[in-house]
Amino acid sequence: MTSFTYSTGSMPSRPGRWPGEPQELELKGMYSARLLDYFQHPRNAGEVANADAAVEVENPGCGDILRLTIKVEGGRIAEIRFRAKGCVPAMACGSALTELVKGKTLAEARGLRRQELVRAVEGLPEASSHASQLALDALGVLLKKIKT
């Protein structure tokens, strides 16, 4: 568990947050339990060995980066992995995306919609909607690199 510490007499960093209050309490209030699970226990993290394609996409507005690598066999996604650098929702969406498309045909993966990704993480705050878009943008670029 990560927590912030403050020196004696410090003021809260935001209303309702006091010295010694764990960050975990703040995250639980902002994000769904499912999103936090994807963040704390990422699925398919890392790089695919001998990948058929790889892509790294950055959100220029916030600086989040998502890297996807993929292995395709028989027209289906046999393996897909991600690496992310950024906010909690960006990492969670990268993780959820890999679960949603693994085993699917390339056409099925191309058909993934933002609503499905948001539903998989049980919602995103309005200010974090960029995380789902980053994941879908990276997937789109990745799939264009696959030679069919």
N, C-alpha and C. Protein backbone atom coordinates (compact mmCIF):
# COMPACT_ATOMS: atom_id res chain seq x y z
N MET A 1 0.84 -1.17 0.00
CA MET A 1 0.00 0.00 0.00
C MET A 1 0.89 1.23 0.00
N THR A 2 0.62 2.14 -0.90
CA THR A 2 1.35 3.39 -0.98
C THR A 2 0.63 4.44 -0.17
N SER A 3 1.37 5.21 0.60
CA SER A 3 0.74 6.31 1.32
C SER A 3 1.63 7.53 1.24
N PHE A 4 1.02 8.67 1.35
CA PHE A 4 1.74 9.91 1.36
C PHE A 4 1.99 10.30 2.81
N THR A 5 3.12 10.89 3.06
CA THR A 5 3.37 11.39 4.41
C THR A 5 3.59 12.89 4.33
N TYR A 6 3.22 13.55 5.35
CA TYR A 6 3.33 15.00 5.42
C TYR A 6 4.06 15.37 6.70
N SER A 7 4.70 16.50 6.68
CA SER A 7 5.36 16.95 7.90
C SER A 7 4.30 17.44 8.88
N THR A 8 4.65 17.46 10.14
CA THR A 8 3.72 17.90 11.17
C THR A 8 3.24 19.31 10.86
N GLY A 9 1.94 19.48 10.96
CA GLY A 9 1.37 20.81 10.74
C GLY A 9 1.06 21.10 9.28
N SER A 10 1.27 20.16 8.39
CA SER A 10 0.98 20.44 6.98
C SER A 10 -0.51 20.42 6.73
N MET A 11 -0.91 21.09 5.68
CA MET A 11 -2.31 21.16 5.30
C MET A 11 -2.61 20.01 4.34
N PRO A 12 -3.87 19.63 4.20
CA PRO A 12 -4.22 18.57 3.26
C PRO A 12 -3.89 18.98 1.83
N SER A 13 -3.52 17.99 1.00
CA SER A 13 -3.19 18.27 -0.39
C SER A 13 -4.45 18.53 -1.20
N ARG A 14 -5.57 18.11 -0.74
CA ARG A 14 -6.87 18.37 -1.34
C ARG A 14 -7.89 18.35 -0.21
N PRO A 15 -9.04 18.95 -0.40
CA PRO A 15 -10.05 18.92 0.65
C PRO A 15 -10.38 17.48 1.04
N GLY A 16 -10.41 17.20 2.32
CA GLY A 16 -10.76 15.87 2.80
C GLY A 16 -9.60 14.91 2.89
N ARG A 17 -8.40 15.33 2.53
CA ARG A 17 -7.23 14.44 2.62
C ARG A 17 -6.27 15.03 3.65
N TRP A 18 -5.99 14.25 4.67
CA TRP A 18 -5.19 14.74 5.78
C TRP A 18 -3.86 14.03 5.86
N PRO A 19 -2.92 14.62 6.57
CA PRO A 19 -1.61 13.99 6.71
C PRO A 19 -1.73 12.54 7.16
N GLY A 20 -1.00 11.68 6.48
CA GLY A 20 -0.99 10.27 6.83
C GLY A 20 -2.11 9.45 6.21
N GLU A 21 -3.07 10.10 5.55
CA GLU A 21 -4.15 9.36 4.90
C GLU A 21 -3.58 8.62 3.70
N PRO A 22 -3.79 7.31 3.61
CA PRO A 22 -3.22 6.56 2.50
C PRO A 22 -3.81 6.97 1.15
N GLN A 23 -2.97 6.95 0.13
CA GLN A 23 -3.39 7.26 -1.23
C GLN A 23 -4.46 6.27 -1.68
N GLU A 24 -4.38 5.04 -1.19
CA GLU A 24 -5.32 4.00 -1.58
C GLU A 24 -6.76 4.44 -1.34
N LEU A 25 -7.01 5.16 -0.25
CA LEU A 25 -8.36 5.63 0.03
C LEU A 25 -8.82 6.60 -1.05
N GLU A 26 -7.93 7.45 -1.52
CA GLU A 26 -8.27 8.40 -2.57
C GLU A 26 -8.55 7.66 -3.88
N LEU A 27 -7.72 6.68 -4.22
CA LEU A 27 -7.92 5.93 -5.46
C LEU A 27 -9.23 5.17 -5.45
N LYS A 28 -9.59 4.58 -4.31
CA LYS A 28 -10.83 3.82 -4.23
C LYS A 28 -12.04 4.72 -4.44
N GLY A 29 -11.93 5.96 -4.07
CA GLY A 29 -13.04 6.89 -4.28
C GLY A 29 -13.14 7.37 -5.72
N MET A 30 -12.03 7.35 -6.42
CA MET A 30 -12.01 7.86 -7.80
C MET A 30 -12.31 6.80 -8.84
N TYR A 31 -11.87 5.56 -8.59
CA TYR A 31 -11.92 4.51 -9.60
C TYR A 31 -12.68 3.30 -9.11
N SER A 32 -13.21 2.54 -10.06
CA SER A 32 -13.92 1.31 -9.72
C SER A 32 -12.94 0.26 -9.19
N ALA A 33 -13.48 -0.69 -8.45
CA ALA A 33 -12.65 -1.79 -7.94
C ALA A 33 -12.03 -2.58 -9.09
N ARG A 34 -12.76 -2.73 -10.17
CA ARG A 34 -12.27 -3.49 -11.33
C ARG A 34 -11.10 -2.75 -11.99
N LEU A 35 -11.21 -1.44 -12.16
CA LEU A 35 -10.12 -0.66 -12.74
C LEU A 35 -8.88 -0.77 -11.86
N LEU A 36 -9.05 -0.64 -10.56
CA LEU A 36 -7.91 -0.75 -9.66
C LEU A 36 -7.29 -2.14 -9.70
N ASP A 37 -8.11 -3.16 -9.89
CA ASP A 37 -7.59 -4.52 -10.01
C ASP A 37 -6.72 -4.66 -11.25
N TYR A 38 -7.16 -4.11 -12.38
CA TYR A 38 -6.35 -4.14 -13.60
C TYR A 38 -5.04 -3.39 -13.41
N PHE A 39 -5.08 -2.31 -12.64
CA PHE A 39 -3.87 -1.53 -12.39
C PHE A 39 -2.92 -2.26 -11.44
N GLN A 40 -3.46 -2.79 -10.36
CA GLN A 40 -2.62 -3.43 -9.35
C GLN A 40 -2.17 -4.83 -9.73
N HIS A 41 -2.92 -5.50 -10.60
CA HIS A 41 -2.61 -6.86 -11.04
C HIS A 41 -2.72 -6.92 -12.57
N PRO A 42 -1.82 -6.24 -13.27
CA PRO A 42 -1.95 -6.15 -14.73
C PRO A 42 -1.88 -7.52 -15.41
N ARG A 43 -2.71 -7.68 -16.41
CA ARG A 43 -2.72 -8.90 -17.22
C ARG A 43 -1.92 -8.63 -18.49
N ASN A 44 -1.18 -9.62 -18.93
CA ASN A 44 -0.45 -9.56 -20.19
C ASN A 44 0.54 -8.40 -20.26
N ALA A 45 1.18 -8.10 -19.15
CA ALA A 45 2.19 -7.03 -19.13
C ALA A 45 3.49 -7.56 -19.71
N GLY A 46 4.23 -6.69 -20.37
CA GLY A 46 5.52 -7.06 -20.92
C GLY A 46 5.55 -6.97 -22.43
N GLU A 47 6.46 -7.74 -23.01
CA GLU A 47 6.68 -7.73 -24.46
C GLU A 47 6.50 -9.13 -25.02
N VAL A 48 5.92 -9.24 -26.20
CA VAL A 48 5.81 -10.51 -26.91
C VAL A 48 7.15 -10.79 -27.59
N ALA A 49 7.72 -11.96 -27.33
CA ALA A 49 8.96 -12.36 -28.01
C ALA A 49 8.66 -12.62 -29.48
N ASN A 50 9.53 -12.20 -30.35
CA ASN A 50 9.36 -12.39 -31.79
C ASN A 50 8.00 -11.90 -32.28
N ALA A 51 7.65 -10.72 -31.85
CA ALA A 51 6.35 -10.13 -32.18
C ALA A 51 6.21 -9.90 -33.68
N ASP A 52 4.99 -10.06 -34.17
CA ASP A 52 4.69 -9.76 -35.56
C ASP A 52 4.59 -8.25 -35.79
N ALA A 53 4.26 -7.52 -34.75
CA ALA A 53 4.17 -6.06 -34.83
C ALA A 53 4.29 -5.47 -33.44
N ALA A 54 4.76 -4.25 -33.39
CA ALA A 54 4.87 -3.50 -32.14
C ALA A 54 4.58 -2.03 -32.44
N VAL A 55 4.01 -1.37 -31.47
CA VAL A 55 3.71 0.05 -31.62
C VAL A 55 3.81 0.72 -30.26
N GLU A 56 4.21 1.97 -30.28
CA GLU A 56 4.24 2.79 -29.07
C GLU A 56 3.54 4.10 -29.39
N VAL A 57 2.50 4.40 -28.64
CA VAL A 57 1.69 5.59 -28.89
C VAL A 57 1.71 6.45 -27.64
N GLU A 58 1.84 7.76 -27.85
CA GLU A 58 1.86 8.70 -26.74
C GLU A 58 0.72 9.69 -26.86
N ASN A 59 0.10 9.99 -25.75
CA ASN A 59 -0.91 11.04 -25.69
C ASN A 59 -0.15 12.35 -25.48
N PRO A 60 -0.13 13.23 -26.48
CA PRO A 60 0.65 14.46 -26.34
C PRO A 60 0.11 15.41 -25.27
N GLY A 61 -1.15 15.26 -24.91
CA GLY A 61 -1.74 16.14 -23.92
C GLY A 61 -1.28 15.85 -22.50
N CYS A 62 -1.18 14.57 -22.16
CA CYS A 62 -0.84 14.22 -20.78
C CYS A 62 0.48 13.47 -20.66
N GLY A 63 1.01 12.98 -21.77
CA GLY A 63 2.29 12.28 -21.75
C GLY A 63 2.20 10.79 -21.49
N ASP A 64 0.99 10.24 -21.33
CA ASP A 64 0.85 8.79 -21.16
C ASP A 64 1.38 8.09 -22.41
N ILE A 65 2.04 6.95 -22.20
CA ILE A 65 2.59 6.16 -23.30
C ILE A 65 2.10 4.72 -23.16
N LEU A 66 1.66 4.15 -24.28
CA LEU A 66 1.24 2.75 -24.30
C LEU A 66 1.97 2.04 -25.42
N ARG A 67 2.61 0.94 -25.08
CA ARG A 67 3.31 0.10 -26.05
C ARG A 67 2.59 -1.23 -26.12
N LEU A 68 2.26 -1.67 -27.33
CA LEU A 68 1.63 -2.96 -27.56
C LEU A 68 2.50 -3.79 -28.48
N THR A 69 2.62 -5.09 -28.18
CA THR A 69 3.29 -6.04 -29.07
C THR A 69 2.33 -7.21 -29.27
N ILE A 70 2.40 -7.82 -30.47
CA ILE A 70 1.40 -8.82 -30.83
C ILE A 70 2.00 -9.96 -31.64
N LYS A 71 1.41 -11.13 -31.46
CA LYS A 71 1.73 -12.32 -32.25
C LYS A 71 0.41 -12.84 -32.79
N VAL A 72 0.35 -13.02 -34.12
CA VAL A 72 -0.86 -13.49 -34.78
C VAL A 72 -0.60 -14.86 -35.38
N GLU A 73 -1.53 -15.78 -35.16
CA GLU A 73 -1.45 -17.13 -35.73
C GLU A 73 -2.81 -17.51 -36.28
N GLY A 74 -2.84 -17.92 -37.54
CA GLY A 74 -4.10 -18.33 -38.15
C GLY A 74 -5.14 -17.23 -38.19
N GLY A 75 -4.72 -15.99 -38.33
CA GLY A 75 -5.65 -14.87 -38.39
C GLY A 75 -6.22 -14.44 -37.06
N ARG A 76 -5.73 -15.04 -35.97
CA ARG A 76 -6.20 -14.69 -34.62
C ARG A 76 -5.05 -14.15 -33.78
N ILE A 77 -5.40 -13.34 -32.82
CA ILE A 77 -4.40 -12.80 -31.90
C ILE A 77 -4.03 -13.88 -30.90
N ALA A 78 -2.86 -14.46 -31.10
CA ALA A 78 -2.40 -15.55 -30.23
C ALA A 78 -1.85 -14.99 -28.92
N GLU A 79 -1.18 -13.85 -29.02
CA GLU A 79 -0.60 -13.23 -27.84
C GLU A 79 -0.52 -11.73 -28.06
N ILE A 80 -0.84 -10.99 -27.03
CA ILE A 80 -0.72 -9.53 -27.06
C ILE A 80 -0.30 -9.09 -25.66
N ARG A 81 0.67 -8.20 -25.62
CA ARG A 81 1.18 -7.70 -24.34
C ARG A 81 1.27 -6.18 -24.40
N PHE A 82 1.31 -5.58 -23.23
CA PHE A 82 1.38 -4.12 -23.16
C PHE A 82 2.42 -3.68 -22.14
N ARG A 83 2.90 -2.48 -22.34
CA ARG A 83 3.69 -1.76 -21.36
C ARG A 83 3.15 -0.34 -21.37
N ALA A 84 2.97 0.21 -20.20
CA ALA A 84 2.39 1.55 -20.11
C ALA A 84 3.18 2.40 -19.13
N LYS A 85 3.18 3.68 -19.43
CA LYS A 85 3.76 4.67 -18.53
C LYS A 85 2.76 5.81 -18.49
N GLY A 86 2.19 6.01 -17.33
CA GLY A 86 1.20 7.07 -17.23
C GLY A 86 0.31 6.90 -16.03
N CYS A 87 -0.90 7.40 -16.17
CA CYS A 87 -1.85 7.41 -15.07
C CYS A 87 -2.44 6.01 -14.82
N VAL A 88 -3.09 5.87 -13.69
CA VAL A 88 -3.72 4.61 -13.29
C VAL A 88 -4.69 4.11 -14.38
N PRO A 89 -5.60 4.95 -14.89
CA PRO A 89 -6.52 4.46 -15.92
C PRO A 89 -5.82 4.04 -17.21
N ALA A 90 -4.74 4.69 -17.59
CA ALA A 90 -4.02 4.31 -18.82
C ALA A 90 -3.44 2.90 -18.68
N MET A 91 -2.89 2.61 -17.54
CA MET A 91 -2.33 1.27 -17.30
C MET A 91 -3.44 0.23 -17.24
N ALA A 92 -4.54 0.56 -16.58
CA ALA A 92 -5.66 -0.38 -16.47
C ALA A 92 -6.29 -0.64 -17.83
N CYS A 93 -6.45 0.39 -18.64
CA CYS A 93 -7.05 0.22 -19.97
C CYS A 93 -6.14 -0.60 -20.88
N GLY A 94 -4.83 -0.41 -20.77
CA GLY A 94 -3.90 -1.23 -21.54
C GLY A 94 -4.03 -2.70 -21.18
N SER A 95 -4.13 -2.98 -19.90
CA SER A 95 -4.29 -4.34 -19.42
C SER A 95 -5.61 -4.95 -19.88
N ALA A 96 -6.70 -4.21 -19.69
CA ALA A 96 -8.03 -4.70 -20.08
C ALA A 96 -8.11 -4.93 -21.58
N LEU A 97 -7.51 -4.04 -22.35
CA LEU A 97 -7.53 -4.17 -23.81
C LEU A 97 -6.94 -5.51 -24.25
N THR A 98 -5.84 -5.90 -23.65
CA THR A 98 -5.21 -7.17 -24.05
C THR A 98 -6.13 -8.35 -23.78
N GLU A 99 -6.84 -8.32 -22.68
CA GLU A 99 -7.78 -9.41 -22.38
C GLU A 99 -8.95 -9.42 -23.35
N LEU A 100 -9.41 -8.25 -23.74
CA LEU A 100 -10.56 -8.17 -24.63
C LEU A 100 -10.27 -8.68 -26.04
N VAL A 101 -9.04 -8.52 -26.51
CA VAL A 101 -8.76 -8.89 -27.91
C VAL A 101 -7.99 -10.20 -28.08
N LYS A 102 -7.39 -10.70 -27.02
CA LYS A 102 -6.64 -11.95 -27.12
C LYS A 102 -7.57 -13.08 -27.56
N GLY A 103 -7.15 -13.82 -28.60
CA GLY A 103 -7.94 -14.93 -29.13
C GLY A 103 -8.93 -14.51 -30.21
N LYS A 104 -9.11 -13.23 -30.41
CA LYS A 104 -10.06 -12.74 -31.42
C LYS A 104 -9.38 -12.69 -32.79
N THR A 105 -10.22 -12.66 -33.84
CA THR A 105 -9.69 -12.44 -35.19
C THR A 105 -9.28 -10.97 -35.28
N LEU A 106 -8.50 -10.65 -36.29
CA LEU A 106 -8.10 -9.26 -36.47
C LEU A 106 -9.31 -8.38 -36.73
N ALA A 107 -10.27 -8.89 -37.50
CA ALA A 107 -11.49 -8.12 -37.78
C ALA A 107 -12.28 -7.88 -36.49
N GLU A 108 -12.38 -8.89 -35.63
CA GLU A 108 -13.09 -8.71 -34.36
C GLU A 108 -12.37 -7.69 -33.49
N ALA A 109 -11.05 -7.73 -33.46
CA ALA A 109 -10.28 -6.77 -32.66
C ALA A 109 -10.47 -5.36 -33.19
N ARG A 110 -10.52 -5.22 -34.51
CA ARG A 110 -10.74 -3.89 -35.10
C ARG A 110 -12.11 -3.33 -34.72
N GLY A 111 -13.04 -4.21 -34.43
CA GLY A 111 -14.39 -3.79 -34.08
C GLY A 111 -14.59 -3.41 -32.62
N LEU A 112 -13.54 -3.52 -31.81
CA LEU A 112 -13.66 -3.16 -30.39
C LEU A 112 -14.03 -1.69 -30.26
N ARG A 113 -15.01 -1.40 -29.44
CA ARG A 113 -15.48 -0.03 -29.23
C ARG A 113 -15.09 0.46 -27.84
N ARG A 114 -15.00 1.76 -27.74
CA ARG A 114 -14.62 2.40 -26.48
C ARG A 114 -15.55 1.97 -25.33
N GLN A 115 -16.84 1.89 -25.62
CA GLN A 115 -17.80 1.51 -24.58
C GLN A 115 -17.48 0.14 -24.00
N GLU A 116 -17.02 -0.79 -24.83
CA GLU A 116 -16.68 -2.13 -24.35
C GLU A 116 -15.48 -2.07 -23.40
N LEU A 117 -14.50 -1.27 -23.76
CA LEU A 117 -13.31 -1.13 -22.92
C LEU A 117 -13.67 -0.46 -21.59
N VAL A 118 -14.45 0.59 -21.65
CA VAL A 118 -14.88 1.29 -20.44
C VAL A 118 -15.70 0.35 -19.56
N ARG A 119 -16.56 -0.45 -20.17
CA ARG A 119 -17.36 -1.42 -19.41
C ARG A 119 -16.46 -2.46 -18.74
N ALA A 120 -15.39 -2.87 -19.43
CA ALA A 120 -14.48 -3.88 -18.87
C ALA A 120 -13.80 -3.40 -17.59
N VAL A 121 -13.53 -2.09 -17.49
CA VAL A 121 -12.91 -1.55 -16.28
C VAL A 121 -13.96 -0.95 -15.33
N GLU A 122 -15.20 -1.18 -15.66
CA GLU A 122 -16.35 -0.71 -14.87
C GLU A 122 -16.37 0.80 -14.69
N GLY A 123 -16.10 1.49 -15.78
CA GLY A 123 -16.24 2.93 -15.80
C GLY A 123 -14.94 3.69 -15.64
N LEU A 124 -14.96 4.90 -16.21
CA LEU A 124 -13.83 5.83 -16.12
C LEU A 124 -14.37 7.20 -15.74
N PRO A 125 -13.67 7.91 -14.88
CA PRO A 125 -14.06 9.30 -14.64
C PRO A 125 -13.93 10.10 -15.94
N GLU A 126 -14.74 11.11 -16.09
CA GLU A 126 -14.71 11.95 -17.30
C GLU A 126 -13.30 12.44 -17.61
N ALA A 127 -12.57 12.84 -16.59
CA ALA A 127 -11.22 13.37 -16.78
C ALA A 127 -10.22 12.30 -17.24
N SER A 128 -10.62 11.04 -17.17
CA SER A 128 -9.72 9.93 -17.54
C SER A 128 -10.13 9.25 -18.85
N SER A 129 -11.05 9.82 -19.58
CA SER A 129 -11.52 9.19 -20.81
C SER A 129 -10.41 9.05 -21.84
N HIS A 130 -9.38 9.89 -21.72
CA HIS A 130 -8.25 9.80 -22.65
C HIS A 130 -7.55 8.45 -22.57
N ALA A 131 -7.64 7.77 -21.43
CA ALA A 131 -6.95 6.50 -21.25
C ALA A 131 -7.52 5.42 -22.17
N SER A 132 -8.84 5.37 -22.28
CA SER A 132 -9.45 4.39 -23.18
C SER A 132 -9.15 4.73 -24.64
N GLN A 133 -9.12 6.01 -24.95
CA GLN A 133 -8.83 6.41 -26.33
C GLN A 133 -7.39 6.09 -26.71
N LEU A 134 -6.46 6.26 -25.78
CA LEU A 134 -5.06 5.91 -26.03
C LEU A 134 -4.94 4.42 -26.35
N ALA A 135 -5.62 3.58 -25.57
CA ALA A 135 -5.57 2.14 -25.79
C ALA A 135 -6.13 1.78 -27.16
N LEU A 136 -7.25 2.36 -27.53
CA LEU A 136 -7.86 2.06 -28.82
C LEU A 136 -7.03 2.60 -29.98
N ASP A 137 -6.44 3.77 -29.81
CA ASP A 137 -5.56 4.32 -30.85
C ASP A 137 -4.36 3.41 -31.07
N ALA A 138 -3.76 2.95 -29.98
CA ALA A 138 -2.60 2.06 -30.09
C ALA A 138 -2.99 0.76 -30.77
N LEU A 139 -4.14 0.20 -30.42
CA LEU A 139 -4.60 -1.03 -31.05
C LEU A 139 -4.82 -0.82 -32.55
N GLY A 140 -5.43 0.28 -32.91
CA GLY A 140 -5.67 0.58 -34.33
C GLY A 140 -4.39 0.65 -35.13
N VAL A 141 -3.40 1.34 -34.61
CA VAL A 141 -2.11 1.46 -35.29
C VAL A 141 -1.43 0.10 -35.37
N LEU A 142 -1.50 -0.66 -34.28
CA LEU A 142 -0.90 -1.98 -34.24
C LEU A 142 -1.49 -2.92 -35.29
N LEU A 143 -2.81 -2.94 -35.38
CA LEU A 143 -3.47 -3.83 -36.33
C LEU A 143 -3.18 -3.45 -37.78
N LYS A 144 -2.96 -2.17 -38.05
CA LYS A 144 -2.60 -1.73 -39.40
C LYS A 144 -1.22 -2.24 -39.80
N LYS A 145 -0.39 -2.53 -38.83
CA LYS A 145 0.97 -3.03 -39.11
C LYS A 145 1.00 -4.52 -39.43
N ILE A 146 -0.08 -5.24 -39.13
CA ILE A 146 -0.13 -6.66 -39.37
C ILE A 146 -0.34 -6.92 -40.86
N LYS A 147 0.50 -7.74 -41.42
CA LYS A 147 0.35 -8.11 -42.82
C LYS A 147 -0.58 -9.32 -42.90
N THR A 148 -1.70 -9.13 -43.60
CA THR A 148 -2.68 -10.22 -43.70
C THR A 148 -2.64 -10.89 -45.05
